[in-house]
Amino acid sequence: MSDPLIRELDHYVVLEPGAPQQLLSAADTLGWLERQLRSLDAVPEDLSTLASTADQAQRLLETACELEVQSGVTVQWFAIRLEPPGAAS
């Protein structure tokens, strides 16, 4: 079961091999995950029963932090909390 605190986070750091890290909103991260899933020859077995790529991306966002897109090549995403300006002590 995923941590309910994760659902409260609105931003993610996305890591792809050979590319600079990206800071994305939750909505943009879902879109990024959908594109990653569409590029696969076959989705992971635990996602194959879900009706759409959007549902698969949502499940990944809630339950995982990495996806193997090619043999030995993994993309990762991590939820982060951004502090509003002036909120840090």
PDB file of N, CA and C in Angstrom:
ATOM      1  N   MET A   1       0.848  -1.181   0.000  1.00  0.00           N
ATOM      2  CA  MET A   1       0.000   0.000   0.000  1.00  0.00           C
ATOM      3  C   MET A   1       0.888   1.237   0.000  1.00  0.00           C
ATOM      4  N   SER A   2       0.537   2.218  -0.769  1.00  0.00           N
ATOM      5  CA  SER A   2       1.360   3.422  -0.843  1.00  0.00           C
ATOM      6  C   SER A   2       1.093   4.329   0.348  1.00  0.00           C
ATOM      7  N   ASP A   3       2.075   5.150   0.645  1.00  0.00           N
ATOM      8  CA  ASP A   3       1.994   6.095   1.743  1.00  0.00           C
ATOM      9  C   ASP A   3       1.056   7.238   1.361  1.00  0.00           C
ATOM     10  N   PRO A   4       0.009   7.523   2.162  1.00  0.00           N
ATOM     11  CA  PRO A   4      -0.919   8.595   1.811  1.00  0.00           C
ATOM     12  C   PRO A   4      -0.256   9.959   1.735  1.00  0.00           C
ATOM     13  N   LEU A   5       0.860  10.156   2.419  1.00  0.00           N
ATOM     14  CA  LEU A   5       1.576  11.429   2.338  1.00  0.00           C
ATOM     15  C   LEU A   5       2.080  11.703   0.932  1.00  0.00           C
ATOM     16  N   ILE A   6       2.434  10.653   0.204  1.00  0.00           N
ATOM     17  CA  ILE A   6       2.929  10.819  -1.163  1.00  0.00           C
ATOM     18  C   ILE A   6       1.882  11.515  -2.015  1.00  0.00           C
ATOM     19  N   ARG A   7       0.608  11.206  -1.816  1.00  0.00           N
ATOM     20  CA  ARG A   7      -0.450  11.802  -2.630  1.00  0.00           C
ATOM     21  C   ARG A   7      -0.584  13.296  -2.403  1.00  0.00           C
ATOM     22  N   GLU A   8      -0.029  13.789  -1.297  1.00  0.00           N
ATOM     23  CA  GLU A   8      -0.100  15.214  -1.003  1.00  0.00           C
ATOM     24  C   GLU A   8       1.024  15.995  -1.683  1.00  0.00           C
ATOM     25  N   LEU A   9       1.984  15.306  -2.251  1.00  0.00           N
ATOM     26  CA  LEU A   9       3.117  15.966  -2.875  1.00  0.00           C
ATOM     27  C   LEU A   9       2.790  16.310  -4.321  1.00  0.00           C
ATOM     28  N   ASP A  10       3.211  17.489  -4.721  1.00  0.00           N
ATOM     29  CA  ASP A  10       2.827  17.984  -6.034  1.00  0.00           C
ATOM     30  C   ASP A  10       3.962  18.036  -7.044  1.00  0.00           C
ATOM     31  N   HIS A  11       5.163  17.659  -6.640  1.00  0.00           N
ATOM     32  CA  HIS A  11       6.311  17.748  -7.552  1.00  0.00           C
ATOM     33  C   HIS A  11       7.172  16.496  -7.439  1.00  0.00           C
ATOM     34  N   TYR A  12       7.875  16.228  -8.536  1.00  0.00           N
ATOM     35  CA  TYR A  12       8.732  15.052  -8.612  1.00  0.00           C
ATOM     36  C   TYR A  12      10.041  15.410  -9.299  1.00  0.00           C
ATOM     37  N   VAL A  13      11.102  14.767  -8.850  1.00  0.00           N
ATOM     38  CA  VAL A  13      12.372  14.808  -9.563  1.00  0.00           C
ATOM     39  C   VAL A  13      12.380  13.575 -10.448  1.00  0.00           C
ATOM     40  N   VAL A  14      12.650  13.779 -11.726  1.00  0.00           N
ATOM     41  CA  VAL A  14      12.661  12.705 -12.716  1.00  0.00           C
ATOM     42  C   VAL A  14      14.090  12.520 -13.200  1.00  0.00           C
ATOM     43  N   LEU A  15      14.542  11.275 -13.176  1.00  0.00           N
ATOM     44  CA  LEU A  15      15.912  10.949 -13.582  1.00  0.00           C
ATOM     45  C   LEU A  15      15.886   9.974 -14.755  1.00  0.00           C
ATOM     46  N   GLU A  16      16.558  10.374 -15.828  1.00  0.00           N
ATOM     47  CA  GLU A  16      16.719   9.518 -17.001  1.00  0.00           C
ATOM     48  C   GLU A  16      18.211   9.413 -17.303  1.00  0.00           C
ATOM     49  N   PRO A  17      18.700   8.211 -17.622  1.00  0.00           N
ATOM     50  CA  PRO A  17      20.117   8.072 -17.935  1.00  0.00           C
ATOM     51  C   PRO A  17      20.527   9.012 -19.070  1.00  0.00           C
ATOM     52  N   GLY A  18      21.637   9.703 -18.878  1.00  0.00           N
ATOM     53  CA  GLY A  18      22.174  10.577 -19.911  1.00  0.00           C
ATOM     54  C   GLY A  18      21.465  11.901 -20.064  1.00  0.00           C
ATOM     55  N   ALA A  19      20.533  12.214 -19.179  1.00  0.00           N
ATOM     56  CA  ALA A  19      19.796  13.478 -19.269  1.00  0.00           C
ATOM     57  C   ALA A  19      19.867  14.188 -17.916  1.00  0.00           C
ATOM     58  N   PRO A  20      19.800  15.519 -17.926  1.00  0.00           N
ATOM     59  CA  PRO A  20      19.788  16.222 -16.641  1.00  0.00           C
ATOM     60  C   PRO A  20      18.494  15.926 -15.887  1.00  0.00           C
ATOM     61  N   GLN A  21      18.570  15.990 -14.572  1.00  0.00           N
ATOM     62  CA  GLN A  21      17.354  15.761 -13.792  1.00  0.00           C
ATOM     63  C   GLN A  21      16.322  16.835 -14.106  1.00  0.00           C
ATOM     64  N   GLN A  22      15.065  16.451 -14.008  1.00  0.00           N
ATOM     65  CA  GLN A  22      13.969  17.377 -14.268  1.00  0.00           C
ATOM     66  C   GLN A  22      13.122  17.511 -13.017  1.00  0.00           C
ATOM     67  N   LEU A  23      12.587  18.672 -12.778  1.00  0.00           N
ATOM     68  CA  LEU A  23      11.636  18.916 -11.710  1.00  0.00           C
ATOM     69  C   LEU A  23      10.280  19.123 -12.375  1.00  0.00           C
ATOM     70  N   LEU A  24       9.345  18.196 -12.133  1.00  0.00           N
ATOM     71  CA  LEU A  24       8.047  18.228 -12.812  1.00  0.00           C
ATOM     72  C   LEU A  24       6.905  18.280 -11.809  1.00  0.00           C
ATOM     73  N   SER A  25       5.797  18.875 -12.224  1.00  0.00           N
ATOM     74  CA  SER A  25       4.573  18.830 -11.420  1.00  0.00           C
ATOM     75  C   SER A  25       4.050  17.390 -11.448  1.00  0.00           C
ATOM     76  N   ALA A  26       3.123  17.087 -10.562  1.00  0.00           N
ATOM     77  CA  ALA A  26       2.531  15.746 -10.546  1.00  0.00           C
ATOM     78  C   ALA A  26       1.867  15.438 -11.891  1.00  0.00           C
ATOM     79  N   ALA A  27       1.150  16.404 -12.454  1.00  0.00           N
ATOM     80  CA  ALA A  27       0.483  16.193 -13.741  1.00  0.00           C
ATOM     81  C   ALA A  27       1.503  15.944 -14.848  1.00  0.00           C
ATOM     82  N   ASP A  28       2.585  16.718 -14.859  1.00  0.00           N
ATOM     83  CA  ASP A  28       3.622  16.521 -15.878  1.00  0.00           C
ATOM     84  C   ASP A  28       4.340  15.188 -15.691  1.00  0.00           C
ATOM     85  N   THR A  29       4.508  14.763 -14.444  1.00  0.00           N
ATOM     86  CA  THR A  29       5.134  13.470 -14.172  1.00  0.00           C
ATOM     87  C   THR A  29       4.258  12.341 -14.692  1.00  0.00           C
ATOM     88  N   LEU A  30       2.946  12.464 -14.508  1.00  0.00           N
ATOM     89  CA  LEU A  30       2.040  11.456 -15.066  1.00  0.00           C
ATOM     90  C   LEU A  30       2.168  11.386 -16.583  1.00  0.00           C
ATOM     91  N   GLY A  31       2.226  12.528 -17.236  1.00  0.00           N
ATOM     92  CA  GLY A  31       2.408  12.548 -18.689  1.00  0.00           C
ATOM     93  C   GLY A  31       3.726  11.920 -19.096  1.00  0.00           C
ATOM     94  N   TRP A  32       4.784  12.217 -18.354  1.00  0.00           N
ATOM     95  CA  TRP A  32       6.101  11.638 -18.623  1.00  0.00           C
ATOM     96  C   TRP A  32       6.043  10.119 -18.473  1.00  0.00           C
ATOM     97  N   LEU A  33       5.381   9.643 -17.414  1.00  0.00           N
ATOM     98  CA  LEU A  33       5.256   8.192 -17.211  1.00  0.00           C
ATOM     99  C   LEU A  33       4.452   7.548 -18.340  1.00  0.00           C
ATOM    100  N   GLU A  34       3.400   8.208 -18.784  1.00  0.00           N
ATOM    101  CA  GLU A  34       2.618   7.668 -19.898  1.00  0.00           C
ATOM    102  C   GLU A  34       3.496   7.523 -21.142  1.00  0.00           C
ATOM    103  N   ARG A  35       4.313   8.522 -21.425  1.00  0.00           N
ATOM    104  CA  ARG A  35       5.211   8.437 -22.589  1.00  0.00           C
ATOM    105  C   ARG A  35       6.211   7.294 -22.415  1.00  0.00           C
ATOM    106  N   GLN A  36       6.731   7.125 -21.208  1.00  0.00           N
ATOM    107  CA  GLN A  36       7.667   6.025 -20.964  1.00  0.00           C
ATOM    108  C   GLN A  36       6.981   4.684 -21.205  1.00  0.00           C
ATOM    109  N   LEU A  37       5.757   4.548 -20.705  1.00  0.00           N
ATOM    110  CA  LEU A  37       5.026   3.289 -20.879  1.00  0.00           C
ATOM    111  C   LEU A  37       4.722   3.013 -22.344  1.00  0.00           C
ATOM    112  N   ARG A  38       4.363   4.038 -23.096  1.00  0.00           N
ATOM    113  CA  ARG A  38       4.057   3.855 -24.523  1.00  0.00           C
ATOM    114  C   ARG A  38       5.289   3.426 -25.317  1.00  0.00           C
ATOM    115  N   SER A  39       6.471   3.758 -24.819  1.00  0.00           N
ATOM    116  CA  SER A  39       7.698   3.405 -25.535  1.00  0.00           C
ATOM    117  C   SER A  39       8.123   1.952 -25.301  1.00  0.00           C
ATOM    118  N   LEU A  40       7.489   1.277 -24.353  1.00  0.00           N
ATOM    119  CA  LEU A  40       7.858  -0.101 -24.032  1.00  0.00           C
ATOM    120  C   LEU A  40       7.275  -1.078 -25.040  1.00  0.00           C
ATOM    121  N   ASP A  41       7.997  -2.156 -25.291  1.00  0.00           N
ATOM    122  CA  ASP A  41       7.464  -3.240 -26.117  1.00  0.00           C
ATOM    123  C   ASP A  41       6.312  -3.934 -25.388  1.00  0.00           C
ATOM    124  N   ALA A  42       6.457  -4.094 -24.079  1.00  0.00           N
ATOM    125  CA  ALA A  42       5.413  -4.711 -23.246  1.00  0.00           C
ATOM    126  C   ALA A  42       5.466  -4.059 -21.867  1.00  0.00           C
ATOM    127  N   VAL A  43       4.313  -3.732 -21.332  1.00  0.00           N
ATOM    128  CA  VAL A  43       4.286  -3.130 -19.990  1.00  0.00           C
ATOM    129  C   VAL A  43       4.539  -4.223 -18.956  1.00  0.00           C
ATOM    130  N   PRO A  44       5.020  -3.832 -17.773  1.00  0.00           N
ATOM    131  CA  PRO A  44       5.223  -4.823 -16.711  1.00  0.00           C
ATOM    132  C   PRO A  44       3.920  -5.581 -16.419  1.00  0.00           C
ATOM    133  N   GLU A  45       4.072  -6.829 -16.069  1.00  0.00           N
ATOM    134  CA  GLU A  45       2.923  -7.708 -15.863  1.00  0.00           C
ATOM    135  C   GLU A  45       1.923  -7.149 -14.860  1.00  0.00           C
ATOM    136  N   ASP A  46       2.406  -6.526 -13.794  1.00  0.00           N
ATOM    137  CA  ASP A  46       1.491  -6.017 -12.766  1.00  0.00           C
ATOM    138  C   ASP A  46       0.661  -4.830 -13.252  1.00  0.00           C
ATOM    139  N   LEU A  47       1.029  -4.226 -14.380  1.00  0.00           N
ATOM    140  CA  LEU A  47       0.261  -3.119 -14.950  1.00  0.00           C
ATOM    141  C   LEU A  47      -0.619  -3.548 -16.110  1.00  0.00           C
ATOM    142  N   SER A  48      -0.395  -4.727 -16.630  1.00  0.00           N
ATOM    143  CA  SER A  48      -1.061  -5.161 -17.863  1.00  0.00           C
ATOM    144  C   SER A  48      -2.567  -5.314 -17.717  1.00  0.00           C
ATOM    145  N   THR A  49      -3.075  -5.468 -16.515  1.00  0.00           N
ATOM    146  CA  THR A  49      -4.515  -5.631 -16.322  1.00  0.00           C
ATOM    147  C   THR A  49      -5.259  -4.293 -16.268  1.00  0.00           C
ATOM    148  N   LEU A  50      -4.520  -3.203 -16.189  1.00  0.00           N
ATOM    149  CA  LEU A  50      -5.157  -1.889 -16.126  1.00  0.00           C
ATOM    150  C   LEU A  50      -5.605  -1.452 -17.515  1.00  0.00           C
ATOM    151  N   ALA A  51      -6.721  -0.767 -17.567  1.00  0.00           N
ATOM    152  CA  ALA A  51      -7.395  -0.473 -18.839  1.00  0.00           C
ATOM    153  C   ALA A  51      -6.645   0.495 -19.741  1.00  0.00           C
ATOM    154  N   SER A  52      -5.951   1.455 -19.182  1.00  0.00           N
ATOM    155  CA  SER A  52      -5.347   2.482 -20.034  1.00  0.00           C
ATOM    156  C   SER A  52      -3.933   2.808 -19.577  1.00  0.00           C
ATOM    157  N   THR A  53      -3.207   3.460 -20.465  1.00  0.00           N
ATOM    158  CA  THR A  53      -1.863   3.925 -20.120  1.00  0.00           C
ATOM    159  C   THR A  53      -1.934   4.933 -18.974  1.00  0.00           C
ATOM    160  N   ALA A  54      -2.973   5.768 -18.959  1.00  0.00           N
ATOM    161  CA  ALA A  54      -3.135   6.739 -17.875  1.00  0.00           C
ATOM    162  C   ALA A  54      -3.301   6.025 -16.536  1.00  0.00           C
ATOM    163  N   ASP A  55      -4.087   4.943 -16.510  1.00  0.00           N
ATOM    164  CA  ASP A  55      -4.254   4.169 -15.275  1.00  0.00           C
ATOM    165  C   ASP A  55      -2.939   3.517 -14.859  1.00  0.00           C
ATOM    166  N   GLN A  56      -2.197   3.020 -15.841  1.00  0.00           N
ATOM    167  CA  GLN A  56      -0.909   2.396 -15.542  1.00  0.00           C
ATOM    168  C   GLN A  56       0.067   3.415 -14.962  1.00  0.00           C
ATOM    169  N   ALA A  57       0.104   4.613 -15.554  1.00  0.00           N
ATOM    170  CA  ALA A  57       0.989   5.667 -15.059  1.00  0.00           C
ATOM    171  C   ALA A  57       0.605   6.075 -13.642  1.00  0.00           C
ATOM    172  N   GLN A  58      -0.689   6.190 -13.387  1.00  0.00           N
ATOM    173  CA  GLN A  58      -1.150   6.553 -12.045  1.00  0.00           C
ATOM    174  C   GLN A  58      -0.726   5.502 -11.025  1.00  0.00           C
ATOM    175  N   ARG A  59      -0.862   4.223 -11.384  1.00  0.00           N
ATOM    176  CA  ARG A  59      -0.441   3.152 -10.473  1.00  0.00           C
ATOM    177  C   ARG A  59       1.046   3.234 -10.191  1.00  0.00           C
ATOM    178  N   LEU A  60       1.846   3.470 -11.241  1.00  0.00           N
ATOM    179  CA  LEU A  60       3.286   3.610 -11.035  1.00  0.00           C
ATOM    180  C   LEU A  60       3.602   4.781 -10.110  1.00  0.00           C
ATOM    181  N   LEU A  61       2.950   5.904 -10.335  1.00  0.00           N
ATOM    182  CA  LEU A  61       3.211   7.086  -9.527  1.00  0.00           C
ATOM    183  C   LEU A  61       2.907   6.816  -8.056  1.00  0.00           C
ATOM    184  N   GLU A  62       1.878   6.031  -7.792  1.00  0.00           N
ATOM    185  CA  GLU A  62       1.452   5.756  -6.420  1.00  0.00           C
ATOM    186  C   GLU A  62       2.227   4.633  -5.746  1.00  0.00           C
ATOM    187  N   THR A  63       2.833   3.736  -6.522  1.00  0.00           N
ATOM    188  CA  THR A  63       3.388   2.528  -5.906  1.00  0.00           C
ATOM    189  C   THR A  63       4.850   2.248  -6.202  1.00  0.00           C
ATOM    190  N   ALA A  64       5.477   3.008  -7.092  1.00  0.00           N
ATOM    191  CA  ALA A  64       6.850   2.684  -7.494  1.00  0.00           C
ATOM    192  C   ALA A  64       7.666   3.960  -7.635  1.00  0.00           C
ATOM    193  N   CYS A  65       8.932   3.788  -7.916  1.00  0.00           N
ATOM    194  CA  CYS A  65       9.788   4.949  -8.176  1.00  0.00           C
ATOM    195  C   CYS A  65      10.785   4.673  -9.303  1.00  0.00           C
ATOM    196  N   GLU A  66      10.613   3.542 -10.004  1.00  0.00           N
ATOM    197  CA  GLU A  66      11.481   3.269 -11.143  1.00  0.00           C
ATOM    198  C   GLU A  66      10.793   2.342 -12.125  1.00  0.00           C
ATOM    199  N   LEU A  67      11.264   2.429 -13.364  1.00  0.00           N
ATOM    200  CA  LEU A  67      10.723   1.608 -14.438  1.00  0.00           C
ATOM    201  C   LEU A  67      11.861   1.257 -15.374  1.00  0.00           C
ATOM    202  N   GLU A  68      12.030  -0.027 -15.651  1.00  0.00           N
ATOM    203  CA  GLU A  68      13.043  -0.452 -16.622  1.00  0.00           C
ATOM    204  C   GLU A  68      12.466  -0.262 -18.020  1.00  0.00           C
ATOM    205  N   VAL A  69      13.088   0.622 -18.790  1.00  0.00           N
ATOM    206  CA  VAL A  69      12.590   0.940 -20.131  1.00  0.00           C
ATOM    207  C   VAL A  69      13.311   0.154 -21.225  1.00  0.00           C
ATOM    208  N   GLN A  70      14.492  -0.338 -20.901  1.00  0.00           N
ATOM    209  CA  GLN A  70      15.256  -1.237 -21.767  1.00  0.00           C
ATOM    210  C   GLN A  70      16.051  -2.121 -20.830  1.00  0.00           C
ATOM    211  N   SER A  71      16.543  -3.212 -21.339  1.00  0.00           N
ATOM    212  CA  SER A  71      17.336  -4.096 -20.506  1.00  0.00           C
ATOM    213  C   SER A  71      18.509  -3.320 -19.898  1.00  0.00           C
ATOM    214  N   GLY A  72      18.521  -3.210 -18.596  1.00  0.00           N
ATOM    215  CA  GLY A  72      19.588  -2.508 -17.887  1.00  0.00           C
ATOM    216  C   GLY A  72      19.450  -0.994 -17.855  1.00  0.00           C
ATOM    217  N   VAL A  73      18.390  -0.427 -18.427  1.00  0.00           N
ATOM    218  CA  VAL A  73      18.181   1.025 -18.444  1.00  0.00           C
ATOM    219  C   VAL A  73      16.908   1.336 -17.657  1.00  0.00           C
ATOM    220  N   THR A  74      17.077   2.093 -16.590  1.00  0.00           N
ATOM    221  CA  THR A  74      15.970   2.388 -15.691  1.00  0.00           C
ATOM    222  C   THR A  74      15.779   3.891 -15.570  1.00  0.00           C
ATOM    223  N   VAL A  75      14.517   4.320 -15.596  1.00  0.00           N
ATOM    224  CA  VAL A  75      14.180   5.710 -15.279  1.00  0.00           C
ATOM    225  C   VAL A  75      13.606   5.727 -13.863  1.00  0.00           C
ATOM    226  N   GLN A  76      13.782   6.847 -13.173  1.00  0.00           N
ATOM    227  CA  GLN A  76      13.328   6.958 -11.791  1.00  0.00           C
ATOM    228  C   GLN A  76      12.614   8.278 -11.565  1.00  0.00           C
ATOM    229  N   TRP A  77      11.746   8.300 -10.569  1.00  0.00           N
ATOM    230  CA  TRP A  77      11.063   9.528 -10.160  1.00  0.00           C
ATOM    231  C   TRP A  77      10.886   9.485  -8.653  1.00  0.00           C
ATOM    232  N   PHE A  78      11.021  10.639  -8.033  1.00  0.00           N
ATOM    233  CA  PHE A  78      10.932  10.736  -6.582  1.00  0.00           C
ATOM    234  C   PHE A  78      10.080  11.938  -6.209  1.00  0.00           C
ATOM    235  N   ALA A  79       9.113  11.709  -5.341  1.00  0.00           N
ATOM    236  CA  ALA A  79       8.264  12.802  -4.870  1.00  0.00           C
ATOM    237  C   ALA A  79       9.086  13.723  -3.975  1.00  0.00           C
ATOM    238  N   ILE A  80       8.857  15.012  -4.142  1.00  0.00           N
ATOM    239  CA  ILE A  80       9.533  16.002  -3.301  1.00  0.00           C
ATOM    240  C   ILE A  80       8.505  17.028  -2.833  1.00  0.00           C
ATOM    241  N   ARG A  81       8.816  17.676  -1.763  1.00  0.00           N
ATOM    242  CA  ARG A  81       7.975  18.743  -1.254  1.00  0.00           C
ATOM    243  C   ARG A  81       8.734  20.051  -1.411  1.00  0.00           C
ATOM    244  N   LEU A  82       8.149  20.979  -2.111  1.00  0.00           N
ATOM    245  CA  LEU A  82       8.757  22.286  -2.284  1.00  0.00           C
ATOM    246  C   LEU A  82       8.225  23.226  -1.206  1.00  0.00           C
ATOM    247  N   GLU A  83       9.123  23.928  -0.568  1.00  0.00           N
ATOM    248  CA  GLU A  83       8.743  24.910   0.428  1.00  0.00           C
ATOM    249  C   GLU A  83       8.472  26.232  -0.270  1.00  0.00           C
ATOM    250  N   PRO A  84       7.385  26.917   0.092  1.00  0.00           N
ATOM    251  CA  PRO A  84       7.150  28.232  -0.487  1.00  0.00           C
ATOM    252  C   PRO A  84       8.273  29.188  -0.097  1.00  0.00           C
ATOM    253  N   PRO A  85       8.552  30.198  -0.933  1.00  0.00           N
ATOM    254  CA  PRO A  85       9.601  31.164  -0.595  1.00  0.00           C
ATOM    255  C   PRO A  85       9.353  31.756   0.799  1.00  0.00           C
ATOM    256  N   GLY A  86      10.415  31.849   1.572  1.00  0.00           N
ATOM    257  CA  GLY A  86      10.321  32.425   2.906  1.00  0.00           C
ATOM    258  C   GLY A  86       9.836  31.450   3.970  1.00  0.00           C
ATOM    259  N   ALA A  87       9.487  30.206   3.589  1.00  0.00           N
ATOM    260  CA  ALA A  87       8.983  29.238   4.555  1.00  0.00           C
ATOM    261  C   ALA A  87      10.095  28.512   5.293  1.00  0.00           C
ATOM    262  N   ALA A  88      11.285  28.473   4.713  1.00  0.00           N
ATOM    263  CA  ALA A  88      12.400  27.759   5.359  1.00  0.00           C
ATOM    264  C   ALA A  88      12.890  28.543   6.561  1.00  0.00           C
ATOM    265  N   SER A  89      13.293  27.798   7.580  1.00  0.00           N
ATOM    266  CA  SER A  89      13.814  28.461   8.786  1.00  0.00           C
ATOM    267  C   SER A  89      15.282  28.708   8.686  1.00  0.00           C
TER     268      SER A  89
END
